[in-house]
């Protein structure tokens, strides 16, 4: 019953946002740094992808994204779902939410779960103009070595620019 109510709530919220024109889509990209927990410094690369921003209220938005990252011949796929809270009706926002991480490895013997991770991402953003944003986020690995998520143990730092279309 709880699942049905939750799905109904999400559906009504999305339907309301669509009817009010409160959904924005765009592209994003920037600097990516991945650090293994046992390493002193991380490896740098880039990320790029697509996002959608759904307004729930004037100060609260949900932003799901699909991001591709590349670091030294390692390919990663990120799926963050970030809740953005705008502080005191300003252009500054605080961000937090779950992030699924998939690490593409060349070894075909690995199971899907051995390449999948779950992170908690937190960050801060600023709306420069109506549809141009900057943000910085840090992703902490929260599910390690369990039955569903057992990918490599690393944390992610991203700094980027997003442009609404």
N, C-alpha and C. Protein backbone atom coordinates (compact mmCIF):
# COMPACT_ATOMS: atom_id res chain seq x y z
N UNK A 1 0.81 -1.19 0.00
CA UNK A 1 0.00 0.00 0.00
C UNK A 1 0.86 1.27 0.00
N UNK A 2 1.95 1.23 0.79
CA UNK A 2 2.83 2.40 0.84
C UNK A 2 3.46 2.67 -0.53
N UNK A 3 3.81 1.60 -1.24
CA UNK A 3 4.41 1.77 -2.57
C UNK A 3 3.43 2.42 -3.53
N UNK A 4 2.16 2.01 -3.46
CA UNK A 4 1.15 2.58 -4.34
C UNK A 4 0.96 4.07 -4.04
N UNK A 5 0.91 4.43 -2.76
CA UNK A 5 0.77 5.84 -2.39
C UNK A 5 1.98 6.65 -2.83
N UNK A 6 3.17 6.09 -2.67
CA UNK A 6 4.39 6.79 -3.09
C UNK A 6 4.38 7.00 -4.61
N UNK A 7 4.04 5.97 -5.37
CA UNK A 7 4.00 6.08 -6.83
C UNK A 7 2.95 7.11 -7.24
N UNK A 8 1.80 7.11 -6.58
CA UNK A 8 0.76 8.10 -6.88
C UNK A 8 1.25 9.51 -6.58
N UNK A 9 1.95 9.70 -5.45
CA UNK A 9 2.49 11.01 -5.10
C UNK A 9 3.49 11.49 -6.17
N UNK A 10 4.40 10.61 -6.57
CA UNK A 10 5.39 10.97 -7.59
C UNK A 10 4.69 11.32 -8.90
N UNK A 11 3.71 10.53 -9.29
CA UNK A 11 2.98 10.78 -10.53
C UNK A 11 2.28 12.13 -10.50
N UNK A 12 1.58 12.43 -9.40
CA UNK A 12 0.86 13.70 -9.28
C UNK A 12 1.84 14.87 -9.29
N UNK A 13 2.99 14.73 -8.61
CA UNK A 13 3.99 15.79 -8.58
C UNK A 13 4.55 16.05 -9.97
N UNK A 14 4.89 14.99 -10.69
CA UNK A 14 5.44 15.15 -12.04
C UNK A 14 4.39 15.73 -12.98
N UNK A 15 3.16 15.23 -12.88
CA UNK A 15 2.06 15.75 -13.71
C UNK A 15 1.84 17.24 -13.44
N UNK A 16 1.88 17.62 -12.17
CA UNK A 16 1.71 19.03 -11.81
C UNK A 16 2.84 19.87 -12.38
N UNK A 17 4.06 19.37 -12.29
CA UNK A 17 5.21 20.11 -12.81
C UNK A 17 5.11 20.26 -14.32
N UNK A 18 4.70 19.19 -15.03
CA UNK A 18 4.55 19.28 -16.48
C UNK A 18 3.48 20.30 -16.86
N UNK A 19 2.36 20.29 -16.14
CA UNK A 19 1.26 21.18 -16.49
C UNK A 19 1.62 22.64 -16.23
N UNK A 20 2.53 22.90 -15.28
CA UNK A 20 2.92 24.27 -14.98
C UNK A 20 4.18 24.69 -15.74
N UNK A 21 4.73 23.81 -16.54
CA UNK A 21 5.94 24.13 -17.29
C UNK A 21 7.15 24.26 -16.38
N UNK A 22 7.19 23.50 -15.30
CA UNK A 22 8.23 23.63 -14.29
C UNK A 22 9.35 22.59 -14.45
N UNK A 23 9.52 22.07 -15.65
CA UNK A 23 10.59 21.10 -15.88
C UNK A 23 11.57 21.69 -16.88
N UNK A 24 12.84 21.62 -16.53
CA UNK A 24 13.90 22.10 -17.41
C UNK A 24 14.83 20.94 -17.72
N UNK A 25 15.30 20.86 -18.93
CA UNK A 25 16.30 19.87 -19.31
C UNK A 25 17.53 20.60 -19.81
N UNK A 26 18.68 19.93 -19.73
CA UNK A 26 19.90 20.58 -20.18
C UNK A 26 21.07 19.63 -20.22
N UNK A 27 22.23 20.22 -20.50
CA UNK A 27 23.48 19.47 -20.56
C UNK A 27 24.39 19.94 -19.43
N UNK A 28 25.28 19.06 -19.01
CA UNK A 28 26.19 19.39 -17.93
C UNK A 28 27.53 18.71 -18.18
N UNK A 29 28.57 19.26 -17.60
CA UNK A 29 29.89 18.67 -17.74
C UNK A 29 30.90 19.40 -16.89
N UNK A 30 32.07 18.76 -16.71
CA UNK A 30 33.09 19.41 -15.93
C UNK A 30 34.20 18.49 -15.49
N UNK A 31 34.86 18.89 -14.42
CA UNK A 31 36.02 18.21 -13.84
C UNK A 31 35.55 17.07 -12.94
N UNK A 32 36.25 15.95 -13.01
CA UNK A 32 35.94 14.77 -12.20
C UNK A 32 37.22 14.28 -11.54
N UNK A 33 37.15 13.98 -10.24
CA UNK A 33 38.28 13.41 -9.51
C UNK A 33 37.78 12.23 -8.71
N UNK A 34 38.42 11.08 -8.88
CA UNK A 34 38.04 9.86 -8.17
C UNK A 34 39.22 9.45 -7.29
N UNK A 35 38.92 9.20 -6.00
CA UNK A 35 39.94 8.82 -5.03
C UNK A 35 39.53 7.52 -4.35
N UNK A 36 40.39 6.51 -4.44
CA UNK A 36 40.16 5.27 -3.70
C UNK A 36 40.42 5.55 -2.22
N UNK A 37 39.71 4.86 -1.34
CA UNK A 37 39.84 5.11 0.09
C UNK A 37 41.24 4.88 0.62
N UNK A 38 42.01 4.01 -0.01
CA UNK A 38 43.36 3.74 0.48
C UNK A 38 44.43 4.58 -0.23
N UNK A 39 44.03 5.52 -1.09
CA UNK A 39 44.98 6.35 -1.84
C UNK A 39 45.09 7.74 -1.21
N UNK A 40 46.30 8.33 -1.33
CA UNK A 40 46.51 9.68 -0.83
C UNK A 40 45.95 10.74 -1.77
N UNK A 41 46.02 10.50 -3.07
CA UNK A 41 45.50 11.45 -4.03
C UNK A 41 44.72 10.72 -5.10
N UNK A 42 43.84 11.46 -5.77
CA UNK A 42 42.96 10.84 -6.75
C UNK A 42 43.44 11.00 -8.18
N UNK A 43 42.68 10.43 -9.08
CA UNK A 43 42.92 10.55 -10.51
C UNK A 43 41.88 11.49 -11.10
N UNK A 44 42.31 12.33 -12.04
CA UNK A 44 41.44 13.35 -12.61
C UNK A 44 40.99 12.99 -14.01
N UNK A 45 39.81 13.50 -14.37
CA UNK A 45 39.26 13.30 -15.70
C UNK A 45 38.13 14.28 -15.93
N UNK A 46 37.14 13.86 -16.69
CA UNK A 46 36.01 14.74 -16.99
C UNK A 46 34.71 13.95 -16.90
N UNK A 47 33.60 14.69 -16.83
CA UNK A 47 32.28 14.09 -16.93
C UNK A 47 31.41 14.95 -17.83
N UNK A 48 30.41 14.34 -18.44
CA UNK A 48 29.45 15.05 -19.28
C UNK A 48 28.14 14.28 -19.27
N UNK A 49 27.04 14.98 -19.46
CA UNK A 49 25.77 14.28 -19.48
C UNK A 49 24.57 15.19 -19.62
N UNK A 50 23.42 14.62 -19.27
CA UNK A 50 22.15 15.30 -19.37
C UNK A 50 21.50 15.39 -18.00
N UNK A 51 20.69 16.42 -17.80
CA UNK A 51 19.95 16.55 -16.55
C UNK A 51 18.54 17.03 -16.83
N UNK A 52 17.69 16.82 -15.85
CA UNK A 52 16.34 17.34 -15.86
C UNK A 52 16.09 17.92 -14.48
N UNK A 53 15.52 19.11 -14.43
CA UNK A 53 15.25 19.75 -13.14
C UNK A 53 13.75 19.95 -13.01
N UNK A 54 13.18 19.38 -11.94
CA UNK A 54 11.75 19.42 -11.70
C UNK A 54 11.50 20.30 -10.47
N UNK A 55 10.74 21.37 -10.65
CA UNK A 55 10.42 22.28 -9.53
C UNK A 55 9.28 21.71 -8.72
N UNK A 56 9.52 21.53 -7.43
CA UNK A 56 8.46 21.11 -6.51
C UNK A 56 7.82 22.33 -5.86
N UNK A 57 8.67 23.27 -5.43
CA UNK A 57 8.24 24.56 -4.90
C UNK A 57 9.23 25.60 -5.41
N UNK A 58 9.10 26.85 -4.97
CA UNK A 58 10.05 27.88 -5.38
C UNK A 58 11.46 27.61 -4.86
N UNK A 59 11.56 26.98 -3.71
CA UNK A 59 12.88 26.76 -3.11
C UNK A 59 13.32 25.30 -3.11
N UNK A 60 12.54 24.39 -3.68
CA UNK A 60 12.87 22.97 -3.65
C UNK A 60 12.71 22.36 -5.04
N UNK A 61 13.79 21.72 -5.52
CA UNK A 61 13.77 21.11 -6.85
C UNK A 61 14.43 19.73 -6.78
N UNK A 62 14.03 18.85 -7.69
CA UNK A 62 14.64 17.53 -7.83
C UNK A 62 15.35 17.52 -9.17
N UNK A 63 16.59 17.02 -9.18
CA UNK A 63 17.37 17.03 -10.40
C UNK A 63 17.98 15.65 -10.66
N UNK A 64 17.31 14.80 -11.46
CA UNK A 64 17.95 13.55 -11.88
C UNK A 64 18.90 13.83 -13.05
N UNK A 65 19.99 13.06 -13.10
CA UNK A 65 21.00 13.25 -14.15
C UNK A 65 21.48 11.90 -14.65
N UNK A 66 22.00 11.89 -15.86
CA UNK A 66 22.69 10.73 -16.42
C UNK A 66 24.03 11.24 -16.92
N UNK A 67 25.13 10.78 -16.26
CA UNK A 67 26.46 11.32 -16.52
C UNK A 67 27.43 10.23 -16.93
N UNK A 68 28.30 10.56 -17.88
CA UNK A 68 29.40 9.69 -18.29
C UNK A 68 30.68 10.31 -17.77
N UNK A 69 31.53 9.52 -17.14
CA UNK A 69 32.82 10.00 -16.66
C UNK A 69 33.96 9.19 -17.24
N UNK A 70 35.10 9.84 -17.45
CA UNK A 70 36.28 9.16 -17.97
C UNK A 70 37.50 9.60 -17.18
N UNK A 71 38.23 8.59 -16.66
CA UNK A 71 39.47 8.84 -15.93
C UNK A 71 40.49 7.78 -16.34
N UNK A 72 41.56 8.20 -16.99
CA UNK A 72 42.66 7.30 -17.36
C UNK A 72 42.17 5.97 -17.92
N UNK A 73 41.43 6.01 -19.00
CA UNK A 73 40.91 4.82 -19.68
C UNK A 73 39.88 4.04 -18.86
N UNK A 74 39.41 4.60 -17.78
CA UNK A 74 38.31 3.99 -17.01
C UNK A 74 37.04 4.77 -17.33
N UNK A 75 36.00 4.06 -17.67
CA UNK A 75 34.72 4.67 -17.99
C UNK A 75 33.73 4.42 -16.86
N UNK A 76 33.02 5.47 -16.47
CA UNK A 76 32.05 5.37 -15.39
C UNK A 76 30.71 5.95 -15.85
N UNK A 77 29.65 5.43 -15.27
CA UNK A 77 28.32 5.94 -15.52
C UNK A 77 27.72 6.32 -14.17
N UNK A 78 27.24 7.54 -14.06
CA UNK A 78 26.65 8.04 -12.81
C UNK A 78 25.17 8.33 -13.04
N UNK A 79 24.36 8.01 -12.05
CA UNK A 79 22.95 8.34 -12.07
C UNK A 79 22.57 8.97 -10.73
N UNK A 80 22.85 10.27 -10.56
CA UNK A 80 22.45 10.95 -9.32
C UNK A 80 21.01 11.46 -9.40
N UNK A 81 20.34 11.45 -8.27
CA UNK A 81 19.03 12.07 -8.12
C UNK A 81 19.17 13.02 -6.93
N UNK A 82 19.33 14.30 -7.24
CA UNK A 82 19.70 15.30 -6.24
C UNK A 82 18.50 16.16 -5.88
N UNK A 83 18.33 16.40 -4.59
CA UNK A 83 17.34 17.35 -4.09
C UNK A 83 18.08 18.67 -3.88
N UNK A 84 17.58 19.74 -4.52
CA UNK A 84 18.21 21.06 -4.43
C UNK A 84 17.32 21.97 -3.59
N UNK A 85 17.91 22.55 -2.56
CA UNK A 85 17.21 23.50 -1.69
C UNK A 85 17.84 24.87 -1.87
N UNK A 86 17.04 25.84 -2.31
CA UNK A 86 17.52 27.21 -2.51
C UNK A 86 17.44 27.96 -1.19
N UNK A 87 18.56 28.50 -0.75
CA UNK A 87 18.69 29.16 0.55
C UNK A 87 18.12 30.57 0.48
N UNK A 88 17.14 30.86 1.33
CA UNK A 88 16.58 32.21 1.52
C UNK A 88 16.23 32.90 0.21
N UNK A 89 15.60 32.16 -0.71
CA UNK A 89 15.16 32.70 -2.00
C UNK A 89 16.31 33.36 -2.77
N UNK A 90 17.51 32.81 -2.61
CA UNK A 90 18.68 33.33 -3.35
C UNK A 90 18.99 32.37 -4.50
N UNK A 91 20.07 32.62 -5.19
CA UNK A 91 20.52 31.75 -6.27
C UNK A 91 21.45 30.65 -5.78
N UNK A 92 21.74 30.63 -4.49
CA UNK A 92 22.60 29.61 -3.87
C UNK A 92 21.74 28.42 -3.45
N UNK A 93 22.19 27.20 -3.79
CA UNK A 93 21.43 26.02 -3.40
C UNK A 93 22.33 24.96 -2.79
N UNK A 94 21.74 24.20 -1.87
CA UNK A 94 22.39 23.06 -1.24
C UNK A 94 21.83 21.81 -1.89
N UNK A 95 22.69 20.81 -2.12
CA UNK A 95 22.28 19.62 -2.85
C UNK A 95 22.63 18.36 -2.07
N UNK A 96 21.75 17.37 -2.15
CA UNK A 96 22.01 16.07 -1.53
C UNK A 96 21.11 15.03 -2.17
N UNK A 97 21.61 13.79 -2.24
CA UNK A 97 20.79 12.71 -2.77
C UNK A 97 21.60 11.48 -3.08
N UNK A 98 20.93 10.40 -3.45
CA UNK A 98 21.62 9.16 -3.80
C UNK A 98 22.20 9.24 -5.20
N UNK A 99 23.22 8.43 -5.43
CA UNK A 99 23.86 8.38 -6.74
C UNK A 99 24.31 6.94 -7.01
N UNK A 100 23.80 6.36 -8.08
CA UNK A 100 24.27 5.04 -8.51
C UNK A 100 25.48 5.23 -9.39
N UNK A 101 26.48 4.36 -9.23
CA UNK A 101 27.72 4.43 -10.00
C UNK A 101 27.96 3.08 -10.65
N UNK A 102 28.26 3.10 -11.94
CA UNK A 102 28.58 1.87 -12.65
C UNK A 102 29.97 2.02 -13.25
N UNK A 103 30.87 1.11 -12.92
CA UNK A 103 32.24 1.14 -13.41
C UNK A 103 32.38 0.12 -14.53
N UNK A 104 32.65 0.60 -15.74
CA UNK A 104 32.85 -0.30 -16.87
C UNK A 104 34.24 -0.90 -16.78
N UNK A 105 34.30 -2.22 -16.66
CA UNK A 105 35.59 -2.91 -16.61
C UNK A 105 35.70 -3.82 -17.81
N UNK A 106 36.90 -4.02 -18.31
CA UNK A 106 37.12 -4.85 -19.48
C UNK A 106 37.01 -6.34 -19.21
N UNK A 107 36.99 -6.74 -17.96
CA UNK A 107 36.94 -8.16 -17.60
C UNK A 107 35.50 -8.67 -17.72
N UNK A 108 35.26 -9.55 -18.69
CA UNK A 108 33.91 -10.09 -18.90
C UNK A 108 33.49 -11.08 -17.84
N UNK A 109 34.42 -11.52 -16.99
CA UNK A 109 34.09 -12.48 -15.95
C UNK A 109 33.42 -11.83 -14.74
N UNK A 110 33.45 -10.51 -14.66
CA UNK A 110 32.85 -9.82 -13.52
C UNK A 110 31.33 -9.83 -13.62
N UNK A 111 30.68 -10.00 -12.49
CA UNK A 111 29.22 -9.91 -12.45
C UNK A 111 28.81 -8.44 -12.43
N UNK A 112 27.57 -8.18 -12.80
CA UNK A 112 27.04 -6.82 -12.82
C UNK A 112 27.21 -6.14 -11.47
N UNK A 113 26.92 -6.84 -10.38
CA UNK A 113 27.00 -6.25 -9.04
C UNK A 113 28.42 -5.86 -8.66
N UNK A 114 29.41 -6.49 -9.27
CA UNK A 114 30.80 -6.16 -8.96
C UNK A 114 31.24 -4.84 -9.59
N UNK A 115 30.37 -4.26 -10.40
CA UNK A 115 30.70 -3.00 -11.07
C UNK A 115 29.75 -1.87 -10.66
N UNK A 116 28.83 -2.17 -9.75
CA UNK A 116 27.78 -1.22 -9.36
C UNK A 116 28.01 -0.71 -7.95
N UNK A 117 27.87 0.60 -7.75
CA UNK A 117 28.04 1.19 -6.43
C UNK A 117 26.90 2.14 -6.11
N UNK A 118 26.75 2.43 -4.83
CA UNK A 118 25.74 3.38 -4.38
C UNK A 118 26.42 4.43 -3.52
N UNK A 119 26.21 5.70 -3.87
CA UNK A 119 26.86 6.81 -3.17
C UNK A 119 25.80 7.73 -2.57
N UNK A 120 26.25 8.54 -1.62
CA UNK A 120 25.50 9.69 -1.15
C UNK A 120 26.26 10.91 -1.65
N UNK A 121 25.61 11.73 -2.44
CA UNK A 121 26.28 12.91 -2.97
C UNK A 121 25.74 14.16 -2.28
N UNK A 122 26.64 15.05 -1.89
CA UNK A 122 26.29 16.32 -1.27
C UNK A 122 27.06 17.43 -1.98
N UNK A 123 26.46 18.61 -2.03
CA UNK A 123 27.16 19.67 -2.72
C UNK A 123 26.47 21.01 -2.58
N UNK A 124 26.99 21.94 -3.36
CA UNK A 124 26.48 23.30 -3.37
C UNK A 124 26.47 23.78 -4.82
N UNK A 125 25.50 24.63 -5.14
CA UNK A 125 25.40 25.15 -6.50
C UNK A 125 25.02 26.61 -6.48
N UNK A 126 25.19 27.25 -7.63
CA UNK A 126 24.83 28.66 -7.77
C UNK A 126 24.28 28.88 -9.17
N UNK A 127 23.14 29.54 -9.26
CA UNK A 127 22.54 29.88 -10.55
C UNK A 127 23.13 31.20 -11.03
N UNK A 128 24.00 31.14 -12.02
CA UNK A 128 24.65 32.35 -12.54
C UNK A 128 23.63 33.20 -13.30
N UNK A 129 22.89 32.56 -14.22
CA UNK A 129 21.81 33.19 -14.95
C UNK A 129 20.60 32.27 -14.84
N UNK A 130 19.55 32.60 -15.54
CA UNK A 130 18.32 31.80 -15.46
C UNK A 130 18.55 30.33 -15.82
N UNK A 131 19.40 30.06 -16.80
CA UNK A 131 19.60 28.68 -17.23
C UNK A 131 21.08 28.26 -17.30
N UNK A 132 21.94 28.93 -16.55
CA UNK A 132 23.36 28.56 -16.47
C UNK A 132 23.72 28.43 -15.00
N UNK A 133 24.25 27.24 -14.64
CA UNK A 133 24.51 26.91 -13.24
C UNK A 133 25.92 26.37 -13.06
N UNK A 134 26.49 26.59 -11.90
CA UNK A 134 27.73 25.91 -11.52
C UNK A 134 27.43 25.12 -10.25
N UNK A 135 28.17 24.03 -10.07
CA UNK A 135 28.00 23.25 -8.85
C UNK A 135 29.26 22.47 -8.53
N UNK A 136 29.37 22.10 -7.28
CA UNK A 136 30.45 21.24 -6.80
C UNK A 136 29.81 20.19 -5.89
N UNK A 137 30.17 18.92 -6.13
CA UNK A 137 29.58 17.82 -5.36
C UNK A 137 30.66 16.82 -4.96
N UNK A 138 30.40 16.18 -3.84
CA UNK A 138 31.27 15.10 -3.38
C UNK A 138 30.40 13.88 -3.13
N UNK A 139 30.77 12.75 -3.71
CA UNK A 139 30.02 11.50 -3.55
C UNK A 139 30.75 10.54 -2.64
N UNK A 140 30.10 10.14 -1.54
CA UNK A 140 30.66 9.19 -0.58
C UNK A 140 30.07 7.81 -0.86
N UNK A 141 30.92 6.81 -0.95
CA UNK A 141 30.44 5.44 -1.13
C UNK A 141 29.70 5.03 0.15
N UNK A 142 28.42 4.61 0.03
CA UNK A 142 27.66 4.22 1.22
C UNK A 142 27.31 2.74 1.23
N UNK A 143 27.40 2.07 0.11
CA UNK A 143 27.10 0.63 0.08
C UNK A 143 28.32 -0.08 -0.51
N UNK A 144 29.00 -0.83 0.33
CA UNK A 144 30.22 -1.51 -0.09
C UNK A 144 30.16 -2.98 0.30
N UNK A 145 30.62 -3.81 -0.60
CA UNK A 145 30.78 -5.23 -0.34
C UNK A 145 29.54 -5.88 0.26
N UNK A 146 28.39 -5.60 -0.31
CA UNK A 146 27.19 -6.32 0.09
C UNK A 146 26.68 -7.10 -1.12
N UNK A 147 25.54 -7.70 -1.01
CA UNK A 147 25.06 -8.58 -2.08
C UNK A 147 24.68 -7.83 -3.35
N UNK A 148 24.21 -6.60 -3.22
CA UNK A 148 23.77 -5.85 -4.39
C UNK A 148 24.86 -4.94 -4.94
N UNK A 149 25.57 -4.24 -4.06
CA UNK A 149 26.58 -3.27 -4.49
C UNK A 149 27.94 -3.70 -3.94
N UNK A 150 28.86 -4.06 -4.83
CA UNK A 150 30.17 -4.48 -4.34
C UNK A 150 31.29 -3.96 -5.22
N UNK A 151 31.10 -2.81 -5.84
CA UNK A 151 32.12 -2.27 -6.74
C UNK A 151 33.31 -1.73 -5.95
N UNK A 152 34.29 -1.26 -6.69
CA UNK A 152 35.51 -0.72 -6.07
C UNK A 152 35.16 0.39 -5.09
N UNK A 153 35.98 0.51 -4.08
CA UNK A 153 35.74 1.46 -2.99
C UNK A 153 36.41 2.80 -3.34
N UNK A 154 35.63 3.77 -3.84
CA UNK A 154 36.17 5.08 -4.17
C UNK A 154 35.13 6.16 -3.94
N UNK A 155 35.61 7.39 -3.77
CA UNK A 155 34.76 8.56 -3.62
C UNK A 155 34.96 9.46 -4.83
N UNK A 156 33.97 10.30 -5.11
CA UNK A 156 33.97 11.10 -6.32
C UNK A 156 33.78 12.58 -5.99
N UNK A 157 34.57 13.44 -6.64
CA UNK A 157 34.42 14.89 -6.52
C UNK A 157 34.18 15.44 -7.92
N UNK A 158 33.12 16.25 -8.07
CA UNK A 158 32.78 16.84 -9.37
C UNK A 158 32.59 18.34 -9.24
N UNK A 159 33.13 19.08 -10.20
CA UNK A 159 32.89 20.52 -10.31
C UNK A 159 32.48 20.76 -11.75
N UNK A 160 31.31 21.39 -11.96
CA UNK A 160 30.86 21.51 -13.33
C UNK A 160 29.98 22.68 -13.62
N UNK A 161 29.61 22.76 -14.88
CA UNK A 161 28.76 23.81 -15.42
C UNK A 161 27.58 23.13 -16.09
N UNK A 162 26.38 23.64 -15.85
CA UNK A 162 25.17 23.11 -16.48
C UNK A 162 24.48 24.22 -17.24
N UNK A 163 23.93 23.86 -18.42
CA UNK A 163 23.24 24.82 -19.27
C UNK A 163 21.88 24.26 -19.63
N UNK A 164 20.83 24.98 -19.26
CA UNK A 164 19.47 24.57 -19.60
C UNK A 164 19.17 24.85 -21.05
N UNK A 165 18.43 23.94 -21.65
CA UNK A 165 18.09 24.09 -23.08
C UNK A 165 16.67 24.59 -23.28
